Amino acid sequence: MKQAPQEAAKRTLTLRDVSEASGVSEMTVSRVLRNRGDVSDATRQKVLAAAKALGYVPNKIAGALASKRVNLVAVIIPSVSNMVFPEVLTGVSEVLDGTGLQPVVGLTNYLPEKEESVLYEMLSWRPSGVIIAGLEHTDAARAMLKNADIPVVEIMDVDGTPVDAMVGISHRRAGRMMAQAIAKAGYERIGFLGTKMPLDHRARKRFEGFTEALAKDGLEVADQEFYSGGSSLAKGREMTETILTRTEDLDFLYYSNDMIGAGGLLYCLDQGIDVPGQIGLAGFNGTELLDGLPIQLATMDAGRAETGRKAAEIIARRAENAETEGRVELSPKIQFGATLKR
């Protein structure tokens, strides 16, 4: 029985292969693929066409041995299932497109030890910069960020001291603003519904600002309901039923995010509760989810896409050795919708 001939051993394509296919020197091929140097458009297109036809992918790690950098930007966020963070990534991508820098995402699931391990792996690739959610990190993670010798931008929060640069809103200010609007509207019996906050530092800061501002108006949170795990409409319905059954005279519910706030709104409408007359509601984040509700939930826009854009701009400018701001604070904006009396 005849054996099938063995396939020729595969080998890694090199610059020489692209050089021979395009008819230009290896040095020129290198310049084109690294987007460096003065090369005519015709030559550039010839090289790119040859590389594409061959299926050649540059070994950027090898090319980084001299520069000690690769053209990757590590973007470390808690989750992509949370609607907040895809908008941040959109803003990052909008700016980095065309710069030669490519975002690579790492997920931490809100766990400090997971963030530490993700950061360790990503820094081992010697990226050109790091964009990381939040200001709170383990001592080991903070040490890695400080010693990385690359631009680091902490995002989504400015209530604290950054390792390098930070972009976002003040969550304490956001909480104060919502409390002031609720008090001004005449609500007095207020309930808070949100995530268990030891690991959600931004929600904790909003709650602190919220309660501080209420106290100045002689008010306090009359009841609270917390949950762990992911946000969902069903979770918002369940929590709202629980808190209203337990404390029947509440006249306002403040949710730590729009997802559970939307679930709460749907529960109230199903029960025939007059919103915002009998009870007012507000969430946080200003997500597109709210556009599909029967009535518009009050919320607060935290500038997520703009946060991503500003952070990426800092990384891109630092790559060109340009000076940048160390603190970029965006202004949260209340969207009153139809569930918060004005």
C-alpha atoms as a PDB file:
ATOM      1  CA  MET A   1       0.000   0.000   0.000  1.00  0.00           C
ATOM      2  CA  LYS A   2       1.451   3.297  -1.060  1.00  0.00           C
ATOM      3  CA  GLN A   3       1.868   5.978   1.565  1.00  0.00           C
ATOM      4  CA  ALA A   4       0.792   9.514   0.791  1.00  0.00           C
ATOM      5  CA  PRO A   5       3.787  11.754   0.218  1.00  0.00           C
ATOM      6  CA  GLN A   6       4.659  13.827   3.270  1.00  0.00           C
ATOM      7  CA  GLU A   7       3.826  17.496   3.038  1.00  0.00           C
ATOM      8  CA  ALA A   8       6.763  19.817   2.771  1.00  0.00           C
ATOM      9  CA  ALA A   9       7.655  21.167   6.171  1.00  0.00           C
ATOM     10  CA  LYS A  10       6.126  24.580   6.715  1.00  0.00           C
ATOM     11  CA  ARG A  11       8.421  27.470   7.504  1.00  0.00           C
ATOM     12  CA  THR A  12       7.813  30.926   8.864  1.00  0.00           C
ATOM     13  CA  LEU A  13       7.557  33.638   6.239  1.00  0.00           C
ATOM     14  CA  THR A  14      10.191  36.357   6.474  1.00  0.00           C
ATOM     15  CA  LEU A  15      10.820  39.872   5.233  1.00  0.00           C
ATOM     16  CA  ARG A  16      12.871  38.328   2.440  1.00  0.00           C
ATOM     17  CA  ASP A  17       9.794  36.512   1.133  1.00  0.00           C
ATOM     18  CA  VAL A  18       7.860  39.776   0.980  1.00  0.00           C
ATOM     19  CA  SER A  19      10.899  41.510  -0.530  1.00  0.00           C
ATOM     20  CA  GLU A  20      11.167  38.933  -3.331  1.00  0.00           C
ATOM     21  CA  ALA A  21       7.413  38.970  -3.980  1.00  0.00           C
ATOM     22  CA  SER A  22       7.215  42.765  -4.156  1.00  0.00           C
ATOM     23  CA  GLY A  23      10.560  43.397  -5.838  1.00  0.00           C
ATOM     24  CA  VAL A  24      11.777  45.916  -3.229  1.00  0.00           C
ATOM     25  CA  SER A  25      14.505  45.720  -0.594  1.00  0.00           C
ATOM     26  CA  GLU A  26      13.993  44.120   2.810  1.00  0.00           C
ATOM     27  CA  MET A  27      14.710  47.492   4.435  1.00  0.00           C
ATOM     28  CA  THR A  28      11.899  49.104   2.457  1.00  0.00           C
ATOM     29  CA  VAL A  29       9.548  46.246   3.319  1.00  0.00           C
ATOM     30  CA  SER A  30      10.401  46.757   6.992  1.00  0.00           C
ATOM     31  CA  ARG A  31       9.692  50.491   6.752  1.00  0.00           C
ATOM     32  CA  VAL A  32       6.318  49.894   5.135  1.00  0.00           C
ATOM     33  CA  LEU A  33       5.205  47.216   7.591  1.00  0.00           C
ATOM     34  CA  ARG A  34       6.323  49.275  10.589  1.00  0.00           C
ATOM     35  CA  ASN A  35       4.789  52.424   9.056  1.00  0.00           C
ATOM     36  CA  ARG A  36       8.107  54.202   9.422  1.00  0.00           C
ATOM     37  CA  GLY A  37      10.211  56.234   7.047  1.00  0.00           C
ATOM     38  CA  ASP A  38       9.535  57.979   3.742  1.00  0.00           C
ATOM     39  CA  VAL A  39       8.129  55.488   1.219  1.00  0.00           C
ATOM     40  CA  SER A  40       6.129  56.325  -1.914  1.00  0.00           C
ATOM     41  CA  ASP A  41       2.456  55.341  -2.024  1.00  0.00           C
ATOM     42  CA  ALA A  42       3.062  53.098  -5.017  1.00  0.00           C
ATOM     43  CA  THR A  43       5.825  51.178  -3.232  1.00  0.00           C
ATOM     44  CA  ARG A  44       3.763  50.982  -0.050  1.00  0.00           C
ATOM     45  CA  GLN A  45       0.799  49.497  -1.894  1.00  0.00           C
ATOM     46  CA  LYS A  46       3.061  47.011  -3.709  1.00  0.00           C
ATOM     47  CA  VAL A  47       4.557  45.795  -0.434  1.00  0.00           C
ATOM     48  CA  LEU A  48       1.193  45.582   1.362  1.00  0.00           C
ATOM     49  CA  ALA A  49      -0.330  43.678  -1.562  1.00  0.00           C
ATOM     50  CA  ALA A  50       2.546  41.190  -1.562  1.00  0.00           C
ATOM     51  CA  ALA A  51       2.350  40.699   2.208  1.00  0.00           C
ATOM     52  CA  LYS A  52      -1.406  40.160   2.018  1.00  0.00           C
ATOM     53  CA  ALA A  53      -1.101  37.648  -0.820  1.00  0.00           C
ATOM     54  CA  LEU A  54       1.543  35.676   1.085  1.00  0.00           C
ATOM     55  CA  GLY A  55      -0.340  35.829   4.376  1.00  0.00           C
ATOM     56  CA  TYR A  56       2.665  37.449   6.038  1.00  0.00           C
ATOM     57  CA  VAL A  57       2.206  38.807   9.579  1.00  0.00           C
ATOM     58  CA  PRO A  58       5.108  40.817  11.045  1.00  0.00           C
ATOM     59  CA  ASN A  59       6.707  39.451  14.202  1.00  0.00           C
ATOM     60  CA  LYS A  60       6.321  42.567  16.302  1.00  0.00           C
ATOM     61  CA  ILE A  61       7.776  40.913  19.384  1.00  0.00           C
ATOM     62  CA  ALA A  62      11.027  40.303  17.522  1.00  0.00           C
ATOM     63  CA  GLY A  63      10.992  43.845  16.197  1.00  0.00           C
ATOM     64  CA  ALA A  64      10.403  45.122  19.700  1.00  0.00           C
ATOM     65  CA  LEU A  65      13.620  43.643  21.061  1.00  0.00           C
ATOM     66  CA  ALA A  66      15.478  46.801  20.101  1.00  0.00           C
ATOM     67  CA  SER A  67      12.776  49.271  21.136  1.00  0.00           C
ATOM     68  CA  LYS A  68      11.580  47.178  24.130  1.00  0.00           C
ATOM     69  CA  ARG A  69       7.971  47.983  23.087  1.00  0.00           C
ATOM     70  CA  VAL A  70       5.214  46.533  20.946  1.00  0.00           C
ATOM     71  CA  ASN A  71       2.473  48.668  19.431  1.00  0.00           C
ATOM     72  CA  LEU A  72      -0.185  47.301  21.770  1.00  0.00           C
ATOM     73  CA  VAL A  73      -2.162  49.209  24.373  1.00  0.00           C
ATOM     74  CA  ALA A  74      -3.364  47.059  27.268  1.00  0.00           C
ATOM     75  CA  VAL A  75      -6.969  47.967  28.151  1.00  0.00           C
ATOM     76  CA  ILE A  76      -7.916  46.318  31.443  1.00  0.00           C
ATOM     77  CA  ILE A  77     -11.597  46.452  32.404  1.00  0.00           C
ATOM     78  CA  PRO A  78     -13.865  44.490  34.764  1.00  0.00           C
ATOM     79  CA  SER A  79     -16.339  43.132  32.202  1.00  0.00           C
ATOM     80  CA  VAL A  80     -17.683  43.305  28.660  1.00  0.00           C
ATOM     81  CA  SER A  81     -21.147  42.035  29.647  1.00  0.00           C
ATOM     82  CA  ASN A  82     -21.702  45.294  31.521  1.00  0.00           C
ATOM     83  CA  MET A  83     -23.000  47.753  28.893  1.00  0.00           C
ATOM     84  CA  VAL A  84     -20.762  50.501  30.255  1.00  0.00           C
ATOM     85  CA  PHE A  85     -17.406  49.148  29.150  1.00  0.00           C
ATOM     86  CA  PRO A  86     -18.072  48.448  25.442  1.00  0.00           C
ATOM     87  CA  GLU A  87     -18.750  52.174  25.069  1.00  0.00           C
ATOM     88  CA  VAL A  88     -15.403  52.939  26.698  1.00  0.00           C
ATOM     89  CA  LEU A  89     -13.706  50.534  24.275  1.00  0.00           C
ATOM     90  CA  THR A  90     -15.424  52.253  21.350  1.00  0.00           C
ATOM     91  CA  GLY A  91     -13.937  55.571  22.428  1.00  0.00           C
ATOM     92  CA  VAL A  92     -10.472  54.021  22.808  1.00  0.00           C
ATOM     93  CA  SER A  93     -10.647  52.416  19.355  1.00  0.00           C
ATOM     94  CA  GLU A  94     -11.834  55.608  17.663  1.00  0.00           C
ATOM     95  CA  VAL A  95      -8.673  57.408  18.742  1.00  0.00           C
ATOM     96  CA  LEU A  96      -6.153  54.590  18.300  1.00  0.00           C
ATOM     97  CA  ASP A  97      -7.339  53.725  14.779  1.00  0.00           C
ATOM     98  CA  GLY A  98      -4.714  55.065  12.408  1.00  0.00           C
ATOM     99  CA  THR A  99      -2.063  55.656  15.092  1.00  0.00           C
ATOM    100  CA  GLY A 100      -0.352  52.297  14.687  1.00  0.00           C
ATOM    101  CA  LEU A 101      -1.409  51.392  18.232  1.00  0.00           C
ATOM    102  CA  GLN A 102      -3.762  48.481  18.793  1.00  0.00           C
ATOM    103  CA  PRO A 103      -5.910  47.986  21.926  1.00  0.00           C
ATOM    104  CA  VAL A 104      -5.841  44.540  23.533  1.00  0.00           C
ATOM    105  CA  VAL A 105      -8.453  43.839  26.228  1.00  0.00           C
ATOM    106  CA  GLY A 106      -8.005  42.029  29.546  1.00  0.00           C
ATOM    107  CA  LEU A 107     -10.922  41.246  31.899  1.00  0.00           C
ATOM    108  CA  THR A 108     -10.729  41.240  35.696  1.00  0.00           C
ATOM    109  CA  ASN A 109     -14.311  40.329  36.746  1.00  0.00           C
ATOM    110  CA  TYR A 110     -13.987  43.025  39.444  1.00  0.00           C
ATOM    111  CA  LEU A 111     -11.503  40.790  41.337  1.00  0.00           C
ATOM    112  CA  PRO A 112      -8.280  42.468  42.575  1.00  0.00           C
ATOM    113  CA  GLU A 113      -6.254  39.259  42.333  1.00  0.00           C
ATOM    114  CA  LYS A 114      -7.509  38.689  38.777  1.00  0.00           C
ATOM    115  CA  GLU A 115      -6.549  42.241  37.836  1.00  0.00           C
ATOM    116  CA  GLU A 116      -3.082  41.578  39.225  1.00  0.00           C
ATOM    117  CA  SER A 117      -2.571  38.453  37.105  1.00  0.00           C
ATOM    118  CA  VAL A 118      -4.003  40.040  33.936  1.00  0.00           C
ATOM    119  CA  LEU A 119      -1.745  43.055  34.396  1.00  0.00           C
ATOM    120  CA  TYR A 120       1.292  40.809  34.909  1.00  0.00           C
ATOM    121  CA  GLU A 121       0.623  38.914  31.669  1.00  0.00           C
ATOM    122  CA  MET A 122      -0.065  42.029  29.628  1.00  0.00           C
ATOM    123  CA  LEU A 123       2.982  43.913  30.867  1.00  0.00           C
ATOM    124  CA  SER A 124       5.136  40.903  29.960  1.00  0.00           C
ATOM    125  CA  TRP A 125       4.389  41.718  26.314  1.00  0.00           C
ATOM    126  CA  ARG A 126       5.894  45.197  26.813  1.00  0.00           C
ATOM    127  CA  PRO A 127       2.915  47.236  25.563  1.00  0.00           C
ATOM    128  CA  SER A 128       3.210  50.901  24.647  1.00  0.00           C
ATOM    129  CA  GLY A 129       0.693  51.919  27.317  1.00  0.00           C
ATOM    130  CA  VAL A 130      -1.950  50.761  29.800  1.00  0.00           C
ATOM    131  CA  ILE A 131      -5.542  51.951  30.201  1.00  0.00           C
ATOM    132  CA  ILE A 132      -7.035  50.441  33.349  1.00  0.00           C
ATOM    133  CA  ALA A 133     -10.405  50.903  35.049  1.00  0.00           C
ATOM    134  CA  GLY A 134     -10.419  52.408  38.518  1.00  0.00           C
ATOM    135  CA  LEU A 135      -7.909  53.862  40.936  1.00  0.00           C
ATOM    136  CA  GLU A 136      -7.919  51.060  43.517  1.00  0.00           C
ATOM    137  CA  HIS A 137      -5.426  48.229  42.953  1.00  0.00           C
ATOM    138  CA  THR A 138      -3.453  45.751  45.050  1.00  0.00           C
ATOM    139  CA  ASP A 139      -0.005  46.848  46.207  1.00  0.00           C
ATOM    140  CA  ALA A 140       1.567  44.441  43.713  1.00  0.00           C
ATOM    141  CA  ALA A 141      -0.524  45.776  40.809  1.00  0.00           C
ATOM    142  CA  ARG A 142       0.283  49.371  41.721  1.00  0.00           C
ATOM    143  CA  ALA A 143       3.992  48.529  41.892  1.00  0.00           C
ATOM    144  CA  MET A 144       3.837  46.933  38.443  1.00  0.00           C
ATOM    145  CA  LEU A 145       2.112  50.001  37.016  1.00  0.00           C
ATOM    146  CA  LYS A 146       4.613  52.379  38.593  1.00  0.00           C
ATOM    147  CA  ASN A 147       7.625  50.420  37.374  1.00  0.00           C
ATOM    148  CA  ALA A 148       6.375  49.677  33.857  1.00  0.00           C
ATOM    149  CA  ASP A 149       8.011  52.829  32.450  1.00  0.00           C
ATOM    150  CA  ILE A 150       5.111  53.359  30.028  1.00  0.00           C
ATOM    151  CA  PRO A 151       2.087  55.702  30.037  1.00  0.00           C
ATOM    152  CA  VAL A 152      -0.627  54.514  32.440  1.00  0.00           C
ATOM    153  CA  VAL A 153      -4.132  56.004  32.378  1.00  0.00           C
ATOM    154  CA  GLU A 154      -6.608  55.013  35.083  1.00  0.00           C
ATOM    155  CA  ILE A 155     -10.160  55.624  33.915  1.00  0.00           C
ATOM    156  CA  MET A 156     -13.769  56.011  35.112  1.00  0.00           C
ATOM    157  CA  ASP A 157     -12.839  57.787  38.349  1.00  0.00           C
ATOM    158  CA  VAL A 158     -10.944  60.872  39.554  1.00  0.00           C
ATOM    159  CA  ASP A 159     -11.620  60.566  43.300  1.00  0.00           C
ATOM    160  CA  GLY A 160      -8.101  59.582  44.280  1.00  0.00           C
ATOM    161  CA  THR A 161      -4.434  59.732  43.334  1.00  0.00           C
ATOM    162  CA  PRO A 162      -3.373  58.155  40.031  1.00  0.00           C
ATOM    163  CA  VAL A 163      -0.196  56.204  39.326  1.00  0.00           C
ATOM    164  CA  ASP A 164       0.330  58.414  36.276  1.00  0.00           C
ATOM    165  CA  ALA A 165      -2.773  59.946  34.647  1.00  0.00           C
ATOM    166  CA  MET A 166      -6.512  59.583  35.185  1.00  0.00           C
ATOM    167  CA  VAL A 167      -9.671  60.318  33.179  1.00  0.00           C
ATOM    168  CA  GLY A 168     -13.278  60.151  34.333  1.00  0.00           C
ATOM    169  CA  ILE A 169     -15.904  61.708  36.547  1.00  0.00           C
ATOM    170  CA  SER A 170     -15.984  62.288  40.280  1.00  0.00           C
ATOM    171  CA  HIS A 171     -18.428  59.675  41.524  1.00  0.00           C
ATOM    172  CA  ARG A 172     -18.811  61.475  44.838  1.00  0.00           C
ATOM    173  CA  ARG A 173     -19.860  64.569  42.882  1.00  0.00           C
ATOM    174  CA  ALA A 174     -22.271  62.457  40.798  1.00  0.00           C
ATOM    175  CA  GLY A 175     -23.882  61.087  43.969  1.00  0.00           C
ATOM    176  CA  ARG A 176     -24.196  64.579  45.446  1.00  0.00           C
ATOM    177  CA  MET A 177     -25.796  65.941  42.277  1.00  0.00           C
ATOM    178  CA  MET A 178     -28.451  63.228  42.204  1.00  0.00           C
ATOM    179  CA  ALA A 179     -29.236  63.652  45.915  1.00  0.00           C
ATOM    180  CA  GLN A 180     -29.657  67.417  45.438  1.00  0.00           C
ATOM    181  CA  ALA A 181     -32.040  66.890  42.511  1.00  0.00           C
ATOM    182  CA  ILE A 182     -34.111  64.372  44.495  1.00  0.00           C
ATOM    183  CA  ALA A 183     -34.339  66.653  47.531  1.00  0.00           C
ATOM    184  CA  LYS A 184     -35.224  69.663  45.377  1.00  0.00           C
ATOM    185  CA  ALA A 185     -38.085  67.673  43.808  1.00  0.00           C
ATOM    186  CA  GLY A 186     -39.569  67.201  47.309  1.00  0.00           C
ATOM    187  CA  TYR A 187     -38.970  63.490  47.826  1.00  0.00           C
ATOM    188  CA  GLU A 188     -38.286  62.548  51.456  1.00  0.00           C
ATOM    189  CA  ARG A 189     -38.419  58.761  51.927  1.00  0.00           C
ATOM    190  CA  ILE A 190     -35.560  57.463  49.816  1.00  0.00           C
ATOM    191  CA  GLY A 191     -34.390  53.914  49.174  1.00  0.00           C
ATOM    192  CA  PHE A 192     -31.072  52.866  47.635  1.00  0.00           C
ATOM    193  CA  LEU A 193     -30.619  49.706  45.559  1.00  0.00           C
ATOM    194  CA  GLY A 194     -27.247  48.560  44.294  1.00  0.00           C
ATOM    195  CA  THR A 195     -24.350  46.144  44.192  1.00  0.00           C
ATOM    196  CA  LYS A 196     -22.499  45.037  47.291  1.00  0.00           C
ATOM    197  CA  MET A 197     -19.818  47.663  47.253  1.00  0.00           C
ATOM    198  CA  PRO A 198     -16.559  46.413  48.778  1.00  0.00           C
ATOM    199  CA  LEU A 199     -15.279  45.627  45.264  1.00  0.00           C
ATOM    200  CA  ASP A 200     -17.284  48.247  43.324  1.00  0.00           C
ATOM    201  CA  HIS A 201     -15.371  51.305  44.492  1.00  0.00           C
ATOM    202  CA  ARG A 202     -17.085  53.723  42.112  1.00  0.00           C
ATOM    203  CA  ALA A 203     -20.558  52.722  43.332  1.00  0.00           C
ATOM    204  CA  ARG A 204     -19.327  53.116  46.910  1.00  0.00           C
ATOM    205  CA  LYS A 205     -18.092  56.651  46.222  1.00  0.00           C
ATOM    206  CA  ARG A 206     -21.394  57.611  44.588  1.00  0.00           C
ATOM    207  CA  PHE A 207     -23.261  56.281  47.621  1.00  0.00           C
ATOM    208  CA  GLU A 208     -20.994  58.267  49.952  1.00  0.00           C
ATOM    209  CA  GLY A 209     -21.591  61.484  48.009  1.00  0.00           C
ATOM    210  CA  PHE A 210     -25.304  60.708  47.843  1.00  0.00           C
ATOM    211  CA  THR A 211     -25.752  60.225  51.582  1.00  0.00           C
ATOM    212  CA  GLU A 212     -23.584  63.260  52.414  1.00  0.00           C
ATOM    213  CA  ALA A 213     -25.717  65.542  50.231  1.00  0.00           C
ATOM    214  CA  LEU A 214     -28.978  64.126  51.601  1.00  0.00           C
ATOM    215  CA  ALA A 215     -27.784  64.802  55.157  1.00  0.00           C
ATOM    216  CA  LYS A 216     -27.258  68.479  54.309  1.00  0.00           C
ATOM    217  CA  ASP A 217     -30.974  68.634  53.414  1.00  0.00           C
ATOM    218  CA  GLY A 218     -31.932  66.845  56.613  1.00  0.00           C
ATOM    219  CA  LEU A 219     -32.652  63.575  54.787  1.00  0.00           C
ATOM    220  CA  GLU A 220     -31.274  60.069  54.992  1.00  0.00           C
ATOM    221  CA  VAL A 221     -31.587  56.772  53.141  1.00  0.00           C
ATOM    222  CA  ALA A 222     -34.633  55.108  54.699  1.00  0.00           C
ATOM    223  CA  ASP A 223     -33.890  51.599  53.385  1.00  0.00           C
ATOM    224  CA  GLN A 224     -31.280  49.789  51.283  1.00  0.00           C
ATOM    225  CA  GLU A 225     -31.218  46.632  49.174  1.00  0.00           C
ATOM    226  CA  PHE A 226     -27.968  45.119  47.891  1.00  0.00           C
ATOM    227  CA  TYR A 227     -27.084  42.250  45.570  1.00  0.00           C
ATOM    228  CA  SER A 228     -24.011  40.450  44.273  1.00  0.00           C
ATOM    229  CA  GLY A 229     -23.381  39.110  40.783  1.00  0.00           C
ATOM    230  CA  GLY A 230     -24.366  40.583  37.443  1.00  0.00           C
ATOM    231  CA  SER A 231     -26.997  43.260  36.830  1.00  0.00           C
ATOM    232  CA  SER A 232     -30.230  42.327  35.079  1.00  0.00           C
ATOM    233  CA  LEU A 233     -33.799  43.523  34.560  1.00  0.00           C
ATOM    234  CA  ALA A 234     -35.033  40.534  36.581  1.00  0.00           C
ATOM    235  CA  LYS A 235     -32.707  41.461  39.446  1.00  0.00           C
ATOM    236  CA  GLY A 236     -34.060  45.026  39.398  1.00  0.00           C
ATOM    237  CA  ARG A 237     -37.655  43.791  39.523  1.00  0.00           C
ATOM    238  CA  GLU A 238     -36.886  41.416  42.397  1.00  0.00           C
ATOM    239  CA  MET A 239     -35.027  44.016  44.460  1.00  0.00           C
ATOM    240  CA  THR A 240     -37.720  46.640  43.914  1.00  0.00           C
ATOM    241  CA  GLU A 241     -40.472  44.286  45.041  1.00  0.00           C
ATOM    242  CA  THR A 242     -38.433  43.364  48.123  1.00  0.00           C
ATOM    243  CA  ILE A 243     -37.696  46.911  49.264  1.00  0.00           C
ATOM    244  CA  LEU A 244     -41.222  48.244  48.585  1.00  0.00           C
ATOM    245  CA  THR A 245     -42.775  45.295  50.430  1.00  0.00           C
ATOM    246  CA  ARG A 246     -40.482  45.865  53.388  1.00  0.00           C
ATOM    247  CA  THR A 247     -40.791  49.677  53.485  1.00  0.00           C
ATOM    248  CA  GLU A 248     -44.103  50.700  51.945  1.00  0.00           C
ATOM    249  CA  ASP A 249     -43.822  54.467  52.395  1.00  0.00           C
ATOM    250  CA  LEU A 250     -40.735  55.020  50.216  1.00  0.00           C
ATOM    251  CA  ASP A 251     -41.282  57.767  47.661  1.00  0.00           C
ATOM    252  CA  PHE A 252     -37.991  57.514  45.727  1.00  0.00           C
ATOM    253  CA  LEU A 253     -35.670  54.695  44.645  1.00  0.00           C
ATOM    254  CA  TYR A 254     -32.085  55.411  43.568  1.00  0.00           C
ATOM    255  CA  TYR A 255     -30.392  52.529  41.716  1.00  0.00           C
ATOM    256  CA  SER A 256     -26.649  52.109  41.325  1.00  0.00           C
ATOM    257  CA  ASN A 257     -27.033  51.381  37.592  1.00  0.00           C
ATOM    258  CA  ASP A 258     -29.545  51.654  34.774  1.00  0.00           C
ATOM    259  CA  MET A 259     -30.064  47.913  34.278  1.00  0.00           C
ATOM    260  CA  ILE A 260     -31.567  47.282  37.707  1.00  0.00           C
ATOM    261  CA  GLY A 261     -33.247  50.716  37.548  1.00  0.00           C
ATOM    262  CA  ALA A 262     -35.004  49.702  34.318  1.00  0.00           C
ATOM    263  CA  GLY A 263     -36.151  46.478  35.979  1.00  0.00           C
ATOM    264  CA  GLY A 264     -37.482  48.520  38.889  1.00  0.00           C
ATOM    265  CA  LEU A 265     -39.378  50.827  36.560  1.00  0.00           C
ATOM    266  CA  LEU A 266     -41.001  47.885  34.753  1.00  0.00           C
ATOM    267  CA  TYR A 267     -42.036  46.405  38.114  1.00  0.00           C
ATOM    268  CA  CYS A 268     -43.636  49.676  39.217  1.00  0.00           C
ATOM    269  CA  LEU A 269     -45.530  50.058  35.939  1.00  0.00           C
ATOM    270  CA  ASP A 270     -46.770  46.443  36.159  1.00  0.00           C
ATOM    271  CA  GLN A 271     -48.047  47.151  39.695  1.00  0.00           C
ATOM    272  CA  GLY A 272     -49.883  50.288  38.596  1.00  0.00           C
ATOM    273  CA  ILE A 273     -47.658  52.537  40.729  1.00  0.00           C
ATOM    274  CA  ASP A 274     -47.736  56.183  39.658  1.00  0.00           C
ATOM    275  CA  VAL A 275     -44.239  57.149  38.515  1.00  0.00           C
ATOM    276  CA  PRO A 276     -43.059  59.798  39.372  1.00  0.00           C
ATOM    277  CA  GLY A 277     -46.058  60.970  41.407  1.00  0.00           C
ATOM    278  CA  GLN A 278     -46.276  58.170  43.957  1.00  0.00           C
ATOM    279  CA  ILE A 279     -42.648  57.124  43.628  1.00  0.00           C
ATOM    280  CA  GLY A 280     -39.699  58.558  41.724  1.00  0.00           C
ATOM    281  CA  LEU A 281     -36.852  56.528  40.235  1.00  0.00           C
ATOM    282  CA  ALA A 282     -33.321  57.169  38.985  1.00  0.00           C
ATOM    283  CA  GLY A 283     -30.441  55.032  37.740  1.00  0.00           C
ATOM    284  CA  PHE A 284     -26.884  55.729  36.677  1.00  0.00           C
ATOM    285  CA  ASN A 285     -24.879  55.542  33.427  1.00  0.00           C
ATOM    286  CA  GLY A 286     -27.223  56.874  30.735  1.00  0.00           C
ATOM    287  CA  THR A 287     -27.163  53.649  28.695  1.00  0.00           C
ATOM    288  CA  GLU A 288     -29.004  53.105  25.391  1.00  0.00           C
ATOM    289  CA  LEU A 289     -31.090  50.423  27.095  1.00  0.00           C
ATOM    290  CA  LEU A 290     -33.275  53.194  28.495  1.00  0.00           C
ATOM    291  CA  ASP A 291     -34.452  54.245  25.021  1.00  0.00           C
ATOM    292  CA  GLY A 292     -36.604  51.110  24.816  1.00  0.00           C
ATOM    293  CA  LEU A 293     -38.542  51.652  28.046  1.00  0.00           C
ATOM    294  CA  PRO A 294     -42.224  52.718  28.140  1.00  0.00           C
ATOM    295  CA  ILE A 295     -41.155  55.931  29.893  1.00  0.00           C
ATOM    296  CA  GLN A 296     -37.673  57.417  30.198  1.00  0.00           C
ATOM    297  CA  LEU A 297     -35.833  56.557  33.410  1.00  0.00           C
ATOM    298  CA  ALA A 298     -33.961  59.410  35.084  1.00  0.00           C
ATOM    299  CA  THR A 299     -30.230  58.737  35.031  1.00  0.00           C
ATOM    300  CA  MET A 300     -26.817  60.366  34.832  1.00  0.00           C
ATOM    301  CA  ASP A 301     -24.507  60.384  31.825  1.00  0.00           C
ATOM    302  CA  ALA A 302     -20.970  59.539  32.959  1.00  0.00           C
ATOM    303  CA  GLY A 303     -19.292  60.231  29.592  1.00  0.00           C
ATOM    304  CA  ARG A 304     -18.109  56.676  28.947  1.00  0.00           C
ATOM    305  CA  ALA A 305     -17.108  57.003  25.277  1.00  0.00           C
ATOM    306  CA  GLU A 306     -15.463  60.349  25.964  1.00  0.00           C
ATOM    307  CA  THR A 307     -13.518  58.747  28.806  1.00  0.00           C
ATOM    308  CA  GLY A 308     -12.175  56.159  26.367  1.00  0.00           C
ATOM    309  CA  ARG A 309     -11.277  58.825  23.821  1.00  0.00           C
ATOM    310  CA  LYS A 310      -9.457  61.049  26.311  1.00  0.00           C
ATOM    311  CA  ALA A 311      -7.514  58.115  27.754  1.00  0.00           C
ATOM    312  CA  ALA A 312      -6.438  56.935  24.302  1.00  0.00           C
ATOM    313  CA  GLU A 313      -5.414  60.480  23.358  1.00  0.00           C
ATOM    314  CA  ILE A 314      -3.050  60.569  26.343  1.00  0.00           C
ATOM    315  CA  ILE A 315      -1.475  57.252  25.307  1.00  0.00           C
ATOM    316  CA  ALA A 316      -1.155  58.313  21.659  1.00  0.00           C
ATOM    317  CA  ARG A 317       0.370  61.699  22.521  1.00  0.00           C
ATOM    318  CA  ARG A 318       2.816  60.143  24.968  1.00  0.00           C
ATOM    319  CA  ALA A 319       3.913  57.768  22.199  1.00  0.00           C
ATOM    320  CA  GLU A 320       4.970  60.895  20.288  1.00  0.00           C
ATOM    321  CA  ASN A 321       6.723  62.261  23.387  1.00  0.00           C
ATOM    322  CA  ALA A 322       4.155  65.055  23.711  1.00  0.00           C
ATOM    323  CA  GLU A 323       3.100  66.441  27.104  1.00  0.00           C
ATOM    324  CA  THR A 324      -0.373  65.613  28.395  1.00  0.00           C
ATOM    325  CA  GLU A 325      -2.613  66.407  31.340  1.00  0.00           C
ATOM    326  CA  GLY A 326      -2.337  64.182  34.376  1.00  0.00           C
ATOM    327  CA  ARG A 327      -5.971  64.644  35.417  1.00  0.00           C
ATOM    328  CA  VAL A 328      -8.938  64.953  33.053  1.00  0.00           C
ATOM    329  CA  GLU A 329     -12.237  65.352  34.905  1.00  0.00           C
ATOM    330  CA  LEU A 330     -15.453  65.048  32.898  1.00  0.00           C
ATOM    331  CA  SER A 331     -18.746  66.486  34.130  1.00  0.00           C
ATOM    332  CA  PRO A 332     -21.598  64.074  34.936  1.00  0.00           C
ATOM    333  CA  LYS A 333     -24.946  65.255  33.566  1.00  0.00           C
ATOM    334  CA  ILE A 334     -28.382  64.459  35.029  1.00  0.00           C
ATOM    335  CA  GLN A 335     -30.961  63.286  32.506  1.00  0.00           C
ATOM    336  CA  PHE A 336     -34.307  63.817  34.261  1.00  0.00           C
ATOM    337  CA  GLY A 337     -36.356  61.633  31.952  1.00  0.00           C
ATOM    338  CA  ALA A 338     -39.936  61.096  33.145  1.00  0.00           C
ATOM    339  CA  THR A 339     -39.313  59.483  36.526  1.00  0.00           C
ATOM    340  CA  LEU A 340     -37.873  62.422  38.480  1.00  0.00           C
ATOM    341  CA  LYS A 341     -40.074  65.456  39.070  1.00  0.00           C
ATOM    342  CA  ARG A 342     -38.483  68.766  38.134  1.00  0.00           C
END
